[in-house]
Amino acid sequence: MYQRILLAADGSKNSKRAAEHAIHLANGSAGSAIEIVYVIEPDQVRTDVLNNWNTKDIQDARKERISEIEQLAADAGVPVTINILHGSPGPCLVDFAHKNKVDLVVIGSRGLNRFQEFVLGSVSHKVAKRAACPVLIVK
């Protein structure tokens, strides 16, 4: 049913729950694969640079945030591709979904940046509103 599943991941508890649902859906359909998309916001880049002194440490810290999700998929036998993008999460996720013709977007209801969600509106709401495919928002 869903061959190409986009999973928005940021390492938060909600993105891990979303991953469990994406993996379950992928297991139910032969030939399904998950595109894990991790979007790095400009403010996060500054924080990462201040907390880590070299580029290797920054890349390792970013990969560590989604390594548990990657391991869950591997344990379930679901093929994944990791995509690290830079920009505003909502538009980046929608643009990726459109360009890569995904069948479903799976996203957690809240991410790591709760202040932005409160002030600007949630990323999940923006994605659900603008994506051309079905969007599953996981609480």
Protein backbone atom coordinates (compact mmCIF):
# COMPACT_ATOMS: atom_id res chain seq x y z
CA MET A 1 0.00 0.00 0.00
CA TYR A 2 2.63 2.54 1.09
CA GLN A 3 5.89 1.86 -0.74
CA ARG A 4 7.74 5.08 0.07
CA ILE A 5 7.27 6.32 3.62
CA LEU A 6 8.83 9.57 4.77
CA LEU A 7 9.58 9.55 8.50
CA ALA A 8 10.34 12.95 10.04
CA ALA A 9 12.82 12.35 12.84
CA ASP A 10 14.59 14.62 15.28
CA GLY A 11 15.43 12.24 18.12
CA SER A 12 12.48 13.28 20.29
CA LYS A 13 10.24 10.75 22.06
CA ASN A 14 7.42 11.59 19.64
CA SER A 15 9.61 10.95 16.60
CA LYS A 16 10.55 7.55 18.07
CA ARG A 17 6.87 6.70 18.49
CA ALA A 18 6.27 7.87 14.92
CA ALA A 19 9.11 5.59 13.81
CA GLU A 20 7.44 2.59 15.43
CA HIS A 21 4.27 3.29 13.43
CA ALA A 22 6.19 3.85 10.20
CA ILE A 23 8.05 0.57 10.68
CA HIS A 24 4.79 -1.25 11.40
CA LEU A 25 3.24 0.15 8.21
CA ALA A 26 6.33 -0.72 6.16
CA ASN A 27 6.28 -4.29 7.47
CA GLY A 28 2.66 -4.64 6.35
CA SER A 29 3.47 -3.88 2.73
CA ALA A 30 6.03 -5.84 0.73
CA GLY A 31 8.72 -3.71 -0.85
CA SER A 32 8.18 -0.71 1.42
CA ALA A 33 11.09 1.50 2.42
CA ILE A 34 11.42 4.39 4.85
CA GLU A 35 13.09 7.69 4.07
CA ILE A 36 14.21 9.13 7.41
CA VAL A 37 14.41 12.90 7.12
CA TYR A 38 16.18 14.89 9.81
CA VAL A 39 16.01 18.66 9.28
CA ILE A 40 18.64 20.85 10.90
CA GLU A 41 17.40 24.35 11.65
CA PRO A 42 19.79 27.34 11.38
CA ASP A 43 19.58 27.97 15.15
CA GLN A 44 20.46 24.34 15.81
CA VAL A 45 23.61 24.68 13.70
CA ARG A 46 24.87 27.44 15.99
CA THR A 47 24.15 25.36 19.09
CA ASP A 48 25.85 22.30 17.61
CA VAL A 49 28.96 24.34 16.77
CA LEU A 50 29.14 25.77 20.29
CA ASN A 51 28.68 22.34 21.90
CA ASN A 52 31.10 20.48 19.60
CA TRP A 53 34.50 21.68 18.49
CA ASN A 54 34.89 19.88 15.19
CA THR A 55 32.76 18.80 12.27
CA LYS A 56 33.17 15.07 12.98
CA ASP A 57 31.72 15.51 16.49
CA ILE A 58 28.78 17.52 15.12
CA GLN A 59 27.98 14.85 12.50
CA ASP A 60 28.27 12.10 15.11
CA ALA A 61 25.92 13.95 17.48
CA ARG A 62 23.35 14.37 14.71
CA LYS A 63 23.53 10.72 13.67
CA GLU A 64 23.26 9.64 17.31
CA ARG A 65 19.91 11.45 17.60
CA ILE A 66 18.39 9.13 15.02
CA SER A 67 20.49 5.99 15.56
CA GLU A 68 17.85 4.36 17.77
CA ILE A 69 15.27 4.78 15.02
CA GLU A 70 17.68 3.38 12.45
CA GLN A 71 18.30 0.36 14.71
CA LEU A 72 14.55 -0.25 15.19
CA ALA A 73 14.11 -0.37 11.41
CA ALA A 74 17.11 -2.65 10.95
CA ASP A 75 15.79 -5.04 13.60
CA ALA A 76 12.45 -5.15 11.77
CA GLY A 77 14.13 -5.72 8.40
CA VAL A 78 12.84 -2.46 6.93
CA PRO A 79 15.20 -0.70 4.52
CA VAL A 80 15.90 2.92 5.42
CA THR A 81 17.68 5.85 3.86
CA ILE A 82 18.80 8.74 6.03
CA ASN A 83 18.48 12.25 4.65
CA ILE A 84 19.87 15.22 6.58
CA LEU A 85 18.51 18.51 5.32
CA HIS A 86 19.07 22.14 6.36
CA GLY A 87 16.32 24.72 6.73
CA SER A 88 12.91 25.20 8.24
CA PRO A 89 11.44 21.76 9.07
CA GLY A 90 7.91 22.22 7.70
CA PRO A 91 8.82 23.45 4.22
CA CYS A 92 11.82 21.08 3.96
CA LEU A 93 9.68 18.04 4.75
CA VAL A 94 6.93 19.06 2.32
CA ASP A 95 9.45 19.81 -0.42
CA PHE A 96 11.18 16.46 0.10
CA ALA A 97 7.83 14.64 0.04
CA HIS A 98 6.85 16.29 -3.24
CA LYS A 99 10.20 15.86 -4.99
CA ASN A 100 10.55 12.22 -3.95
CA LYS A 101 6.91 11.27 -4.53
CA VAL A 102 6.44 9.64 -1.14
CA ASP A 103 3.19 7.79 -0.46
CA LEU A 104 2.91 8.72 3.22
CA VAL A 105 4.49 11.13 5.69
CA VAL A 106 4.75 9.94 9.31
CA ILE A 107 5.55 12.64 11.85
CA GLY A 108 5.38 13.07 15.61
CA SER A 109 2.93 15.60 17.00
CA ARG A 110 5.74 17.45 18.81
CA GLY A 111 9.44 17.66 18.24
CA LEU A 112 12.39 18.88 20.23
CA ASN A 113 11.66 22.58 19.73
CA ARG A 114 8.53 23.22 21.82
CA PHE A 115 8.95 27.01 21.82
CA GLN A 116 8.69 27.21 18.02
CA GLU A 117 5.66 24.94 18.09
CA PHE A 118 3.92 27.22 20.60
CA VAL A 119 4.74 30.50 18.86
CA LEU A 120 4.70 29.66 15.15
CA GLY A 121 2.41 26.65 14.90
CA SER A 122 3.51 23.07 14.86
CA VAL A 123 5.62 21.51 12.16
CA SER A 124 3.21 18.58 11.96
CA HIS A 125 0.31 20.93 11.28
CA LYS A 126 2.26 22.71 8.52
CA VAL A 127 3.18 19.41 6.89
CA ALA A 128 -0.37 18.04 7.10
CA LYS A 129 -1.72 21.22 5.57
CA ARG A 130 0.72 21.39 2.64
CA ALA A 131 1.69 17.82 1.74
CA ALA A 132 0.07 16.29 -1.34
CA CYS A 133 0.06 12.79 0.19
CA PRO A 134 -1.52 11.36 3.37
CA VAL A 135 0.10 12.46 6.65
CA LEU A 136 0.03 10.37 9.83
CA ILE A 137 0.58 12.47 12.97
CA VAL A 138 1.57 10.30 15.94
CA LYS A 139 1.01 11.46 19.52
